[in-house]
Amino acid sequence: MYITQETKKELFKEHGGAEINTGSTEGQVALFTFRIKHLTDHLKGNKKDLVTRRALVRLVGKRRRLLDYLKEKDIERYRAIISKLKLRK
């Protein structure tokens, strides 16, 4: 599998504050971003893989909804995670 437990722990520790804080919005956005990058690389080589393309679109939508939620609740945390992950918006 492309994402290991250690990778997840590092992502949540770096962006969510702690390894066990898997429910934080920033941690979830970081995890979705990691998965989106992996799926994007996969689709570059497998252009006709429509199931993966659908999964990618769903992940992007989930990340967008989480970012919208974070933007409404705390604009400073939103700006921090956008700049840290180098996302456009």
N, C-alpha and C. Protein backbone atom coordinates (compact mmCIF):
# COMPACT_ATOMS: atom_id res chain seq x y z
N MET A 1 0.84 -1.18 0.00
CA MET A 1 0.00 0.00 0.00
C MET A 1 0.89 1.24 0.00
N TYR A 2 0.41 2.29 -0.61
CA TYR A 2 1.23 3.48 -0.81
C TYR A 2 1.36 4.35 0.44
N ILE A 3 0.46 4.21 1.39
CA ILE A 3 0.54 5.01 2.61
C ILE A 3 0.61 4.07 3.81
N THR A 4 1.66 4.25 4.59
CA THR A 4 1.88 3.38 5.74
C THR A 4 1.42 4.09 7.01
N GLN A 5 1.38 3.35 8.09
CA GLN A 5 0.99 3.93 9.38
C GLN A 5 1.98 5.01 9.80
N GLU A 6 3.27 4.79 9.52
CA GLU A 6 4.29 5.77 9.88
C GLU A 6 4.09 7.08 9.11
N THR A 7 3.74 6.96 7.83
CA THR A 7 3.50 8.15 7.02
C THR A 7 2.30 8.92 7.55
N LYS A 8 1.25 8.20 7.90
CA LYS A 8 0.07 8.86 8.46
C LYS A 8 0.40 9.57 9.76
N LYS A 9 1.16 8.89 10.63
CA LYS A 9 1.53 9.51 11.90
C LYS A 9 2.34 10.77 11.69
N GLU A 10 3.26 10.74 10.73
CA GLU A 10 4.06 11.93 10.44
C GLU A 10 3.19 13.07 9.93
N LEU A 11 2.24 12.74 9.03
CA LEU A 11 1.35 13.78 8.51
C LEU A 11 0.53 14.42 9.62
N PHE A 12 -0.06 13.58 10.48
CA PHE A 12 -0.89 14.12 11.55
C PHE A 12 -0.06 14.85 12.59
N LYS A 13 1.16 14.40 12.82
CA LYS A 13 2.02 15.09 13.78
C LYS A 13 2.43 16.46 13.26
N GLU A 14 2.74 16.52 11.96
CA GLU A 14 3.19 17.77 11.36
C GLU A 14 2.06 18.77 11.20
N HIS A 15 0.90 18.30 10.77
CA HIS A 15 -0.20 19.22 10.44
C HIS A 15 -1.32 19.23 11.48
N GLY A 16 -1.53 18.13 12.18
CA GLY A 16 -2.65 18.06 13.11
C GLY A 16 -2.28 18.37 14.54
N GLY A 17 -0.99 18.45 14.84
CA GLY A 17 -0.56 18.77 16.20
C GLY A 17 -0.03 17.57 16.95
N ALA A 18 -0.64 16.40 16.79
CA ALA A 18 -0.20 15.19 17.48
C ALA A 18 -0.52 13.98 16.60
N GLU A 19 0.20 12.89 16.87
CA GLU A 19 -0.02 11.66 16.09
C GLU A 19 -1.43 11.13 16.24
N ILE A 20 -1.96 11.25 17.45
CA ILE A 20 -3.26 10.66 17.73
C ILE A 20 -4.42 11.59 17.40
N ASN A 21 -4.12 12.82 16.99
CA ASN A 21 -5.15 13.80 16.65
C ASN A 21 -5.55 13.63 15.19
N THR A 22 -6.17 12.49 14.88
CA THR A 22 -6.50 12.18 13.49
C THR A 22 -7.77 12.87 13.02
N GLY A 23 -8.49 13.49 13.90
CA GLY A 23 -9.74 14.15 13.52
C GLY A 23 -9.60 15.62 13.22
N SER A 24 -8.41 16.17 13.38
CA SER A 24 -8.24 17.60 13.15
C SER A 24 -8.42 17.91 11.67
N THR A 25 -8.96 19.05 11.40
CA THR A 25 -9.23 19.44 10.02
C THR A 25 -7.94 19.55 9.23
N GLU A 26 -6.91 20.12 9.83
CA GLU A 26 -5.63 20.28 9.13
C GLU A 26 -5.01 18.93 8.81
N GLY A 27 -5.10 18.00 9.73
CA GLY A 27 -4.56 16.66 9.50
C GLY A 27 -5.29 15.93 8.39
N GLN A 28 -6.61 16.06 8.37
CA GLN A 28 -7.39 15.43 7.32
C GLN A 28 -7.07 16.03 5.95
N VAL A 29 -6.93 17.34 5.90
CA VAL A 29 -6.61 18.00 4.63
C VAL A 29 -5.23 17.54 4.15
N ALA A 30 -4.28 17.42 5.06
CA ALA A 30 -2.94 16.96 4.69
C ALA A 30 -2.98 15.52 4.17
N LEU A 31 -3.75 14.67 4.81
CA LEU A 31 -3.88 13.28 4.37
C LEU A 31 -4.54 13.21 2.99
N PHE A 32 -5.60 13.97 2.78
CA PHE A 32 -6.26 14.00 1.48
C PHE A 32 -5.31 14.52 0.40
N THR A 33 -4.52 15.53 0.73
CA THR A 33 -3.57 16.08 -0.23
C THR A 33 -2.53 15.04 -0.63
N PHE A 34 -2.05 14.26 0.34
CA PHE A 34 -1.10 13.20 0.05
C PHE A 34 -1.71 12.16 -0.89
N ARG A 35 -2.94 11.77 -0.60
CA ARG A 35 -3.62 10.78 -1.43
C ARG A 35 -3.92 11.33 -2.83
N ILE A 36 -4.28 12.61 -2.92
CA ILE A 36 -4.57 13.23 -4.21
C ILE A 36 -3.31 13.26 -5.08
N LYS A 37 -2.18 13.58 -4.48
CA LYS A 37 -0.92 13.58 -5.24
C LYS A 37 -0.59 12.19 -5.75
N HIS A 38 -0.81 11.17 -4.93
CA HIS A 38 -0.55 9.80 -5.35
C HIS A 38 -1.45 9.40 -6.52
N LEU A 39 -2.74 9.69 -6.41
CA LEU A 39 -3.67 9.33 -7.47
C LEU A 39 -3.39 10.10 -8.76
N THR A 40 -2.96 11.36 -8.63
CA THR A 40 -2.64 12.15 -9.80
C THR A 40 -1.46 11.54 -10.55
N ASP A 41 -0.43 11.11 -9.80
CA ASP A 41 0.71 10.46 -10.43
C ASP A 41 0.30 9.16 -11.12
N HIS A 42 -0.59 8.42 -10.48
CA HIS A 42 -1.08 7.16 -11.07
C HIS A 42 -1.81 7.42 -12.38
N LEU A 43 -2.63 8.46 -12.40
CA LEU A 43 -3.43 8.75 -13.59
C LEU A 43 -2.60 9.29 -14.74
N LYS A 44 -1.43 9.83 -14.46
CA LYS A 44 -0.57 10.29 -15.54
C LYS A 44 -0.11 9.12 -16.41
N GLY A 45 0.08 7.96 -15.79
CA GLY A 45 0.50 6.79 -16.54
C GLY A 45 -0.64 5.91 -16.99
N ASN A 46 -1.80 6.04 -16.37
CA ASN A 46 -2.96 5.20 -16.67
C ASN A 46 -4.16 6.10 -16.98
N LYS A 47 -4.17 6.67 -18.15
CA LYS A 47 -5.17 7.68 -18.50
C LYS A 47 -6.59 7.13 -18.58
N LYS A 48 -6.74 5.85 -18.85
CA LYS A 48 -8.07 5.29 -19.03
C LYS A 48 -8.66 4.67 -17.76
N ASP A 49 -8.00 4.85 -16.64
CA ASP A 49 -8.47 4.29 -15.38
C ASP A 49 -9.56 5.19 -14.80
N LEU A 50 -10.79 4.94 -15.20
CA LEU A 50 -11.90 5.82 -14.83
C LEU A 50 -12.31 5.67 -13.37
N VAL A 51 -12.11 4.50 -12.79
CA VAL A 51 -12.47 4.30 -11.38
C VAL A 51 -11.57 5.15 -10.49
N THR A 52 -10.29 5.17 -10.80
CA THR A 52 -9.36 6.00 -10.03
C THR A 52 -9.65 7.47 -10.24
N ARG A 53 -10.02 7.83 -11.47
CA ARG A 53 -10.35 9.24 -11.74
C ARG A 53 -11.55 9.68 -10.90
N ARG A 54 -12.54 8.81 -10.78
CA ARG A 54 -13.72 9.13 -9.96
C ARG A 54 -13.34 9.27 -8.49
N ALA A 55 -12.47 8.38 -8.02
CA ALA A 55 -12.01 8.46 -6.63
C ALA A 55 -11.25 9.76 -6.39
N LEU A 56 -10.46 10.18 -7.37
CA LEU A 56 -9.71 11.43 -7.26
C LEU A 56 -10.66 12.62 -7.16
N VAL A 57 -11.68 12.63 -7.99
CA VAL A 57 -12.65 13.74 -7.97
C VAL A 57 -13.36 13.79 -6.63
N ARG A 58 -13.71 12.62 -6.08
CA ARG A 58 -14.38 12.59 -4.78
C ARG A 58 -13.46 13.11 -3.67
N LEU A 59 -12.18 12.74 -3.72
CA LEU A 59 -11.23 13.20 -2.71
C LEU A 59 -11.04 14.71 -2.78
N VAL A 60 -10.96 15.23 -3.98
CA VAL A 60 -10.80 16.68 -4.15
C VAL A 60 -12.02 17.40 -3.58
N GLY A 61 -13.21 16.84 -3.78
CA GLY A 61 -14.43 17.43 -3.22
C GLY A 61 -14.44 17.40 -1.71
N LYS A 62 -13.99 16.28 -1.13
CA LYS A 62 -13.93 16.20 0.34
C LYS A 62 -12.96 17.22 0.90
N ARG A 63 -11.80 17.33 0.25
CA ARG A 63 -10.80 18.30 0.73
C ARG A 63 -11.35 19.72 0.61
N ARG A 64 -12.05 20.01 -0.50
CA ARG A 64 -12.61 21.33 -0.70
C ARG A 64 -13.63 21.68 0.39
N ARG A 65 -14.48 20.69 0.74
CA ARG A 65 -15.48 20.93 1.79
C ARG A 65 -14.81 21.17 3.14
N LEU A 66 -13.76 20.43 3.45
CA LEU A 66 -13.05 20.64 4.71
C LEU A 66 -12.39 22.02 4.73
N LEU A 67 -11.81 22.41 3.61
CA LEU A 67 -11.18 23.73 3.56
C LEU A 67 -12.22 24.85 3.67
N ASP A 68 -13.38 24.67 3.08
CA ASP A 68 -14.45 25.67 3.22
C ASP A 68 -14.90 25.78 4.67
N TYR A 69 -15.02 24.64 5.34
CA TYR A 69 -15.39 24.62 6.75
C TYR A 69 -14.35 25.38 7.58
N LEU A 70 -13.08 25.09 7.32
CA LEU A 70 -12.01 25.73 8.07
C LEU A 70 -11.97 27.23 7.80
N LYS A 71 -12.27 27.61 6.57
CA LYS A 71 -12.28 29.03 6.21
C LYS A 71 -13.37 29.78 6.98
N GLU A 72 -14.53 29.13 7.16
CA GLU A 72 -15.62 29.76 7.91
C GLU A 72 -15.29 29.88 9.39
N LYS A 73 -14.66 28.83 9.96
CA LYS A 73 -14.43 28.79 11.40
C LYS A 73 -13.23 29.62 11.83
N ASP A 74 -12.11 29.49 11.10
CA ASP A 74 -10.89 30.19 11.51
C ASP A 74 -10.04 30.47 10.29
N ILE A 75 -10.09 31.72 9.82
CA ILE A 75 -9.42 32.09 8.58
C ILE A 75 -7.91 31.99 8.69
N GLU A 76 -7.35 32.21 9.88
CA GLU A 76 -5.90 32.14 10.05
C GLU A 76 -5.39 30.70 9.90
N ARG A 77 -6.11 29.74 10.47
CA ARG A 77 -5.74 28.33 10.32
C ARG A 77 -5.86 27.91 8.86
N TYR A 78 -6.88 28.42 8.18
CA TYR A 78 -7.08 28.14 6.75
C TYR A 78 -5.89 28.65 5.94
N ARG A 79 -5.49 29.89 6.17
CA ARG A 79 -4.37 30.47 5.43
C ARG A 79 -3.07 29.73 5.72
N ALA A 80 -2.91 29.29 6.97
CA ALA A 80 -1.70 28.56 7.34
C ALA A 80 -1.61 27.23 6.62
N ILE A 81 -2.71 26.48 6.58
CA ILE A 81 -2.67 25.16 5.94
C ILE A 81 -2.54 25.29 4.42
N ILE A 82 -3.13 26.30 3.84
CA ILE A 82 -3.01 26.55 2.40
C ILE A 82 -1.56 26.82 2.03
N SER A 83 -0.91 27.66 2.81
CA SER A 83 0.50 28.00 2.50
C SER A 83 1.43 26.84 2.82
N LYS A 84 1.13 26.09 3.88
CA LYS A 84 1.99 24.97 4.26
C LYS A 84 1.96 23.84 3.24
N LEU A 85 0.77 23.56 2.70
CA LEU A 85 0.62 22.49 1.72
C LEU A 85 0.78 22.99 0.27
N LYS A 86 0.96 24.30 0.11
CA LYS A 86 1.13 24.91 -1.21
C LYS A 86 -0.05 24.60 -2.14
N LEU A 87 -1.25 24.85 -1.62
CA LEU A 87 -2.47 24.65 -2.39
C LEU A 87 -2.89 25.97 -3.03
N ARG A 88 -3.56 25.87 -4.16
CA ARG A 88 -4.09 27.06 -4.81
C ARG A 88 -5.45 27.39 -4.24
N LYS A 89 -5.75 28.66 -4.12
CA LYS A 89 -7.09 29.12 -3.77
C LYS A 89 -7.03 30.58 -3.45
